[in-house]
Protein backbone atom coordinates (compact mmCIF):
# COMPACT_ATOMS: atom_id res chain seq x y z
CA MET A 1 17.79 13.84 -8.80
CA GLY A 2 15.25 13.98 -11.41
CA GLU A 3 11.76 15.26 -11.84
CA VAL A 4 9.04 14.64 -9.06
CA ARG A 5 5.89 13.06 -10.27
CA ARG A 6 3.05 12.30 -7.86
CA VAL A 7 -0.17 10.41 -7.48
CA ASP A 8 -2.91 12.23 -5.65
CA GLY A 9 -4.03 10.44 -2.42
CA ASN A 10 -7.67 10.77 -3.54
CA ARG A 11 -9.13 10.37 0.11
CA PRO A 12 -11.07 12.92 1.95
CA TRP A 13 -8.26 13.48 4.49
CA ALA A 14 -5.39 13.66 1.91
CA PRO A 15 -5.69 17.55 1.73
CA ILE A 16 -5.94 17.90 5.52
CA VAL A 17 -2.74 15.65 6.05
CA GLY A 18 -0.91 16.74 2.88
CA TYR A 19 0.15 13.69 1.24
CA SER A 20 0.28 11.85 -2.04
CA ARG A 21 -0.49 8.17 -2.51
CA ALA A 22 2.75 7.85 -4.39
CA VAL A 23 5.87 9.86 -5.29
CA ARG A 24 8.30 9.06 -7.90
CA ILE A 25 11.74 10.76 -7.94
CA GLY A 26 13.98 9.34 -10.84
CA ASN A 27 13.95 5.62 -10.58
CA LEU A 28 12.53 5.60 -7.09
CA ILE A 29 8.85 5.30 -5.95
CA GLU A 30 7.59 5.44 -2.44
CA VAL A 31 4.21 4.58 -1.69
CA ALA A 32 2.42 6.04 1.34
CA GLY A 33 0.59 3.99 3.97
CA THR A 34 -2.54 2.93 1.94
CA SER A 35 -5.69 1.43 3.68
CA SER A 36 -8.87 -0.17 2.22
CA THR A 37 -10.72 2.89 1.79
CA THR A 38 -12.79 4.26 -1.16
CA ARG A 39 -12.31 7.84 -2.53
CA ASP A 40 -15.37 8.78 -0.26
CA GLY A 41 -13.80 7.28 2.79
CA LYS A 42 -15.79 4.11 3.06
CA VAL A 43 -13.78 1.02 4.23
CA MET A 44 -13.83 -1.93 2.09
CA PHE A 45 -13.96 -5.33 3.69
CA PRO A 46 -14.23 -4.20 7.28
CA ASN A 47 -12.45 -6.11 9.79
CA ASP A 48 -11.27 -8.74 7.21
CA ALA A 49 -7.47 -8.82 6.91
CA TYR A 50 -7.28 -10.91 3.70
CA GLY A 51 -9.99 -8.76 1.82
CA GLN A 52 -8.34 -5.43 3.03
CA THR A 53 -4.86 -6.57 1.98
CA LYS A 54 -5.89 -7.71 -1.58
CA TYR A 55 -7.83 -4.59 -2.08
CA ILE A 56 -4.77 -2.32 -0.94
CA PHE A 57 -2.53 -4.25 -3.27
CA GLU A 58 -4.95 -3.51 -6.25
CA GLU A 59 -5.34 0.24 -5.26
CA ILE A 60 -1.35 0.63 -4.92
CA GLU A 61 -0.85 -1.20 -8.33
CA ARG A 62 -3.26 1.23 -10.11
CA ALA A 63 -1.19 4.24 -8.46
CA VAL A 64 2.27 2.82 -9.59
CA HIS A 65 1.10 2.12 -13.04
CA GLU A 66 0.46 5.81 -13.31
CA LEU A 67 4.17 6.42 -12.41
CA GLY A 68 5.31 3.89 -14.96
CA ALA A 69 6.01 1.18 -12.80
CA THR A 70 4.76 -2.40 -12.27
CA TYR A 71 4.93 -4.80 -9.31
CA ASN A 72 7.94 -6.35 -10.59
CA ASP A 73 9.67 -3.10 -9.61
CA VAL A 74 8.78 -3.50 -5.97
CA ILE A 75 11.72 -3.97 -3.62
CA ARG A 76 10.08 -3.63 -0.25
CA THR A 77 6.79 -4.07 1.42
CA ARG A 78 5.67 -2.84 4.90
CA VAL A 79 2.39 -4.20 6.27
CA TYR A 80 0.99 -2.82 9.43
CA MET A 81 -1.75 -4.69 11.18
CA THR A 82 -3.70 -4.36 14.21
CA ASN A 83 -3.71 -7.99 15.09
CA ILE A 84 -0.62 -9.99 14.35
CA ASP A 85 -2.88 -13.14 14.45
CA ASP A 86 -4.19 -11.91 11.06
CA TRP A 87 -0.82 -12.71 9.51
CA GLN A 88 -1.92 -15.64 7.59
CA GLY A 89 -4.65 -13.91 5.62
CA VAL A 90 -2.38 -11.06 4.87
CA ALA A 91 0.38 -13.41 3.77
CA LYS A 92 -1.96 -15.29 1.59
CA ALA A 93 -2.95 -11.89 -0.28
CA HIS A 94 0.85 -10.81 -0.22
CA GLY A 95 1.89 -14.08 -1.89
CA GLU A 96 -0.70 -13.80 -4.46
CA PHE A 97 0.92 -10.59 -5.72
CA PHE A 98 4.56 -11.08 -4.70
CA ALA A 99 5.46 -15.04 -4.61
CA LYS A 100 7.49 -14.65 -7.89
CA ILE A 101 8.85 -11.13 -7.31
CA LEU A 102 10.24 -11.69 -3.70
CA PRO A 103 10.65 -8.10 -2.24
CA THR A 104 11.77 -7.47 1.17
CA SER A 105 8.83 -7.45 3.56
CA SER A 106 7.99 -6.56 7.30
CA PHE A 107 4.83 -7.43 8.95
CA VAL A 108 4.36 -5.19 12.13
CA GLU A 109 1.62 -5.18 14.76
CA ILE A 110 0.40 -1.66 15.85
CA SER A 111 -2.33 -0.76 18.20
CA ARG A 112 -4.86 0.79 15.74
CA LEU A 113 -5.35 2.51 12.45
CA MET A 114 -7.18 5.75 11.46
CA LEU A 115 -10.66 4.07 11.29
CA PRO A 116 -11.93 1.26 13.79
CA GLU A 117 -12.92 -1.10 10.83
CA LEU A 118 -9.30 -0.98 9.46
CA CYS A 119 -6.93 -3.72 10.41
CA ILE A 120 -4.22 -3.36 7.73
CA GLU A 121 -2.18 -0.50 6.01
CA VAL A 122 0.54 -1.11 3.46
CA GLU A 123 3.56 1.05 2.36
CA MET A 124 5.84 0.09 -0.48
CA THR A 125 9.11 1.12 -2.13
CA LEU A 126 9.66 0.42 -5.87
CA TYR A 127 12.92 0.85 -7.76
CA LEU A 128 12.92 1.01 -11.73
CA GLN A 129 15.82 -0.43 -13.41
CA ASP A 130 17.32 1.71 -16.35
């Protein structure tokens, strides 16, 4: 199966919940649900779906780079939003990162996220070619 490498969640609740931002086993990387929060728990771009999505993709990109991957290795994105009517802003940000990569993707409406100012959370799966 291969060596397990992790990128720390680096958020105040990570030690309580017990999770990593990203985990790599062999050629597979799974990225945990990522929101637009800073290391101290501040919400960036409160209630702004486009701003939050772009911020999240930048955060995830840093984490996967630590594990030796790039966004060219992304095979799936999962976007959870508290208002599906925000899909156009989310889609715009998604396209800015993935229009040429074309991973599979899901946009799913959920009732709420951990903090009231959050409207987006993203998970990803990456697979590195040999």
